[in-house]
Amino acid sequence: MVLAVSLDGRLAPPTGGAAQLGGSGDRRVLEEALAWSDAALIGAGTLRAHHSSCVIRDWDLLNQRHVQGRSPQPAALVVSREAGFPLEWPFFQQPFERHLLSACDGSVPGFQSCCRLSSRWSKTLNDLATKGWSRLVLLGGAVLTHSLLAQDAVDELQLTLSPRILGGSFHWLLQAETPLPASLASSQAWSLVDARSLGDNELLVHYRRNRSINS
């Protein structure tokens, strides 16, 4: 999971709208994560807020993927209960493959394919891996993130802390009645991989799930 959040854990200001909290340093680490990935998981709410997704712009990262024999951009996998999105959104002109994860059957306008979303993320992720999408970057939003964490299906957390306090209800994790696994609350559940300044008073923290602490 790769997100930029405020110091009080918000994705967006109280008025809502597209979340654009990170600066140039955050943009770089986001593009590095995209360059590593096969595909990006995007929640329907995030797509509706932005009407677009993130793409790799830095030449060295595009060249890295070219040398590796990979497409310039990772695929975009949109997770949604509903299949319909306005095709005039910039998302549908961006230079990547688009696939829908849903309960739909058959073709959906604007998407190369529709992949069935199982009730268990373990099965869905295994199915995606068989299609060549094993390295996934989760770009939010809160509903999708909560869904994955509720089934302990997130391996890494990479958060950029933006030096602002926003308040409001737009947390990076859904404030839901469905409890998260108790094991995630253990102080040993996540191992620190990296912590560094990104400039402009932003701080990156990167944790990896310690699977010896089971759900």
Protein backbone atom coordinates (compact mmCIF):
# COMPACT_ATOMS: atom_id res chain seq x y z
CA MET A 1 0.00 0.00 0.00
CA VAL A 2 1.33 3.43 -0.97
CA LEU A 3 -0.38 6.56 0.35
CA ALA A 4 0.30 10.16 1.34
CA VAL A 5 -1.55 11.13 4.52
CA SER A 6 -1.72 14.08 6.90
CA LEU A 7 -0.24 13.91 10.40
CA ASP A 8 -3.71 13.06 11.72
CA GLY A 9 -4.18 10.27 9.18
CA ARG A 10 -6.43 12.00 6.67
CA LEU A 11 -6.39 11.46 2.92
CA ALA A 12 -8.21 14.66 2.03
CA PRO A 13 -9.49 17.88 3.63
CA PRO A 14 -12.89 17.91 5.40
CA THR A 15 -14.57 19.10 2.20
CA GLY A 16 -13.40 15.96 0.40
CA GLY A 17 -12.34 15.80 -3.21
CA ALA A 18 -9.16 14.51 -4.80
CA ALA A 19 -6.36 13.74 -2.36
CA GLN A 20 -3.13 15.48 -3.40
CA LEU A 21 -1.16 15.79 -0.19
CA GLY A 22 2.31 14.72 -1.28
CA GLY A 23 5.09 16.85 -2.75
CA SER A 24 7.80 16.03 -5.28
CA GLY A 25 9.57 13.58 -2.96
CA ASP A 26 6.36 11.67 -2.42
CA ARG A 27 5.73 11.65 -6.16
CA ARG A 28 9.13 10.02 -6.71
CA VAL A 29 8.61 7.18 -4.23
CA LEU A 30 5.12 6.63 -5.64
CA GLU A 31 6.56 6.29 -9.14
CA GLU A 32 9.24 3.92 -7.83
CA ALA A 33 6.51 1.71 -6.38
CA LEU A 34 4.61 1.79 -9.67
CA ALA A 35 7.80 0.92 -11.57
CA TRP A 36 8.21 -2.16 -9.35
CA SER A 37 4.62 -3.30 -9.77
CA ASP A 38 2.71 -5.35 -12.31
CA ALA A 39 -0.55 -3.58 -11.54
CA ALA A 40 -2.15 -0.98 -9.27
CA LEU A 41 -5.28 -1.71 -7.23
CA ILE A 42 -7.61 1.29 -7.19
CA GLY A 43 -10.87 1.63 -5.29
CA ALA A 44 -13.93 2.89 -7.12
CA GLY A 45 -14.26 5.86 -4.74
CA THR A 46 -10.69 6.93 -5.45
CA LEU A 47 -11.29 6.78 -9.19
CA ARG A 48 -14.52 8.77 -8.83
CA ALA A 49 -12.70 11.43 -6.79
CA HIS A 50 -9.78 11.82 -9.20
CA HIS A 51 -11.17 10.71 -12.60
CA SER A 52 -7.62 9.50 -13.33
CA SER A 53 -4.79 7.46 -11.86
CA CYS A 54 -1.06 7.85 -11.33
CA VAL A 55 1.42 7.16 -14.12
CA ILE A 56 5.20 6.85 -14.25
CA ARG A 57 6.75 10.01 -15.68
CA ASP A 58 10.43 9.85 -14.71
CA TRP A 59 12.56 8.72 -17.63
CA ASP A 60 14.89 6.50 -15.60
CA LEU A 61 11.96 4.48 -14.25
CA LEU A 62 10.39 4.16 -17.71
CA ASN A 63 13.76 3.00 -19.04
CA GLN A 64 14.07 0.53 -16.17
CA ARG A 65 10.80 -1.12 -17.17
CA HIS A 66 11.85 -1.10 -20.84
CA VAL A 67 15.12 -2.88 -20.03
CA GLN A 68 13.15 -5.45 -18.03
CA GLY A 69 10.90 -6.10 -21.03
CA ARG A 70 7.82 -4.77 -19.27
CA SER A 71 5.11 -2.38 -20.41
CA PRO A 72 5.83 1.32 -19.72
CA GLN A 73 3.02 1.49 -17.15
CA PRO A 74 1.55 -1.10 -14.78
CA ALA A 75 -2.04 -2.14 -15.41
CA ALA A 76 -4.84 -0.41 -13.50
CA LEU A 77 -7.18 -2.79 -11.65
CA VAL A 78 -10.32 -0.98 -10.50
CA VAL A 79 -12.24 -2.64 -7.66
CA SER A 80 -15.93 -1.79 -7.83
CA ARG A 81 -19.36 -3.27 -7.14
CA GLU A 82 -20.69 -1.30 -10.10
CA ALA A 83 -19.37 -1.56 -13.62
CA GLY A 84 -20.26 1.85 -15.05
CA PHE A 85 -17.83 4.79 -15.21
CA PRO A 86 -18.02 7.82 -17.56
CA LEU A 87 -15.75 7.06 -20.50
CA GLU A 88 -14.92 10.76 -20.93
CA TRP A 89 -12.85 10.70 -17.73
CA PRO A 90 -9.08 11.14 -18.35
CA PHE A 91 -8.57 7.68 -16.81
CA PHE A 92 -9.82 6.08 -20.01
CA GLN A 93 -7.26 7.93 -22.13
CA GLN A 94 -4.26 7.24 -19.89
CA PRO A 95 -1.50 4.97 -21.29
CA PHE A 96 -2.10 1.75 -19.39
CA GLU A 97 -4.27 -1.35 -19.49
CA ARG A 98 -7.56 -1.08 -17.60
CA HIS A 99 -9.23 -4.06 -15.94
CA LEU A 100 -12.23 -4.25 -13.63
CA LEU A 101 -12.44 -6.39 -10.48
CA SER A 102 -16.11 -6.91 -9.84
CA ALA A 103 -18.96 -9.41 -9.76
CA CYS A 104 -19.64 -8.62 -13.41
CA ASP A 105 -19.63 -11.08 -16.28
CA GLY A 106 -18.57 -10.37 -19.83
CA SER A 107 -17.14 -7.19 -21.29
CA VAL A 108 -17.43 -3.74 -19.74
CA PRO A 109 -16.94 -0.57 -21.83
CA GLY A 110 -13.56 1.04 -21.22
CA PHE A 111 -11.95 -2.05 -19.71
CA GLN A 112 -9.92 -4.77 -21.42
CA SER A 113 -11.39 -7.40 -19.13
CA CYS A 114 -13.58 -7.98 -16.09
CA CYS A 115 -12.06 -10.24 -13.43
CA ARG A 116 -14.36 -11.82 -10.87
CA LEU A 117 -13.88 -10.51 -7.35
CA SER A 118 -14.07 -13.32 -4.80
CA SER A 119 -15.33 -12.86 -1.25
CA ARG A 120 -11.85 -13.96 -0.15
CA TRP A 121 -8.94 -11.75 -1.10
CA SER A 122 -6.56 -14.72 -0.95
CA LYS A 123 -8.39 -16.31 -3.89
CA THR A 124 -8.66 -13.05 -5.81
CA LEU A 125 -4.95 -12.33 -5.40
CA ASN A 126 -4.05 -15.87 -6.48
CA ASP A 127 -6.25 -15.49 -9.56
CA LEU A 128 -4.56 -12.18 -10.41
CA ALA A 129 -1.13 -13.78 -10.03
CA THR A 130 -2.04 -16.42 -12.63
CA LYS A 131 -2.73 -13.54 -15.04
CA GLY A 132 0.75 -12.11 -14.43
CA TRP A 133 -0.20 -9.56 -11.77
CA SER A 134 1.65 -10.73 -8.68
CA ARG A 135 3.34 -7.44 -7.72
CA LEU A 136 0.46 -5.19 -6.73
CA VAL A 137 0.49 -1.62 -5.42
CA LEU A 138 -2.58 -0.61 -3.44
CA LEU A 139 -3.43 3.06 -4.08
CA GLY A 140 -6.53 3.25 -1.87
CA GLY A 141 -9.05 4.36 -0.95
CA ALA A 142 -10.26 3.73 2.56
CA VAL A 143 -12.95 1.15 1.76
CA LEU A 144 -10.63 -1.00 -0.36
CA THR A 145 -7.78 -0.69 2.15
CA HIS A 146 -10.05 -1.76 5.01
CA SER A 147 -11.32 -4.70 2.97
CA LEU A 148 -7.80 -5.99 2.39
CA LEU A 149 -6.58 -5.37 5.94
CA ALA A 150 -9.69 -7.06 7.36
CA GLN A 151 -8.46 -10.25 5.67
CA ASP A 152 -4.80 -9.55 6.50
CA ALA A 153 -3.99 -9.33 2.79
CA VAL A 154 -1.61 -6.33 2.87
CA ASP A 155 2.10 -7.17 2.90
CA GLU A 156 3.60 -3.68 3.11
CA LEU A 157 2.58 -0.19 4.21
CA GLN A 158 4.38 2.80 2.69
CA LEU A 159 3.08 6.07 4.07
CA THR A 160 4.28 9.57 3.31
CA LEU A 161 3.47 11.84 6.24
CA SER A 162 2.56 15.31 5.02
CA PRO A 163 3.19 18.11 7.58
CA ARG A 164 -0.40 19.24 7.96
CA ILE A 165 -3.39 18.48 10.19
CA LEU A 166 -6.67 18.36 8.31
CA GLY A 167 -9.38 16.97 10.57
CA GLY A 168 -12.63 15.75 9.08
CA SER A 169 -13.83 12.27 8.27
CA PHE A 170 -11.61 11.25 5.35
CA HIS A 171 -9.29 8.80 7.14
CA TRP A 172 -6.95 6.58 5.13
CA LEU A 173 -8.61 3.58 6.77
CA LEU A 174 -12.38 3.18 6.85
CA GLN A 175 -13.97 3.78 10.25
CA ALA A 176 -16.04 0.60 10.04
CA GLU A 177 -17.83 -1.70 12.44
CA THR A 178 -16.10 -4.70 10.88
CA PRO A 179 -13.12 -5.38 13.16
CA LEU A 180 -9.61 -5.82 11.87
CA PRO A 181 -7.63 -8.94 12.88
CA ALA A 182 -6.37 -8.57 16.44
CA SER A 183 -2.90 -9.62 15.30
CA LEU A 184 -2.51 -6.36 13.36
CA ALA A 185 -2.57 -4.46 16.66
CA SER A 186 0.51 -6.28 17.94
CA SER A 187 3.63 -4.11 18.21
CA GLN A 188 5.43 -6.96 16.41
CA ALA A 189 2.98 -7.16 13.50
CA TRP A 190 4.93 -4.77 11.28
CA SER A 191 8.70 -4.52 10.77
CA LEU A 192 10.23 -1.17 9.85
CA VAL A 193 11.91 -1.32 6.43
CA ASP A 194 12.69 2.34 5.83
CA ALA A 195 12.19 5.78 7.36
CA ARG A 196 13.59 8.88 5.67
CA SER A 197 12.99 12.50 4.85
CA LEU A 198 11.61 13.23 1.39
CA GLY A 199 12.22 16.96 1.64
CA ASP A 200 9.65 19.70 2.23
CA ASN A 201 9.23 18.35 5.79
CA GLU A 202 7.69 15.11 4.50
CA LEU A 203 8.63 11.78 6.07
CA LEU A 204 8.39 8.35 4.47
CA VAL A 205 7.76 5.34 6.70
CA HIS A 206 7.76 1.86 5.18
CA TYR A 207 6.67 -1.23 7.11
CA ARG A 208 6.48 -4.90 6.09
CA ARG A 209 3.99 -7.36 7.57
CA ASN A 210 5.63 -9.83 9.94
CA ARG A 211 3.87 -13.05 8.95
CA SER A 212 5.13 -14.86 12.05
CA ILE A 213 2.42 -12.84 13.82
CA ASN A 214 -0.57 -14.65 12.36
CA SER A 215 -4.17 -13.54 11.96
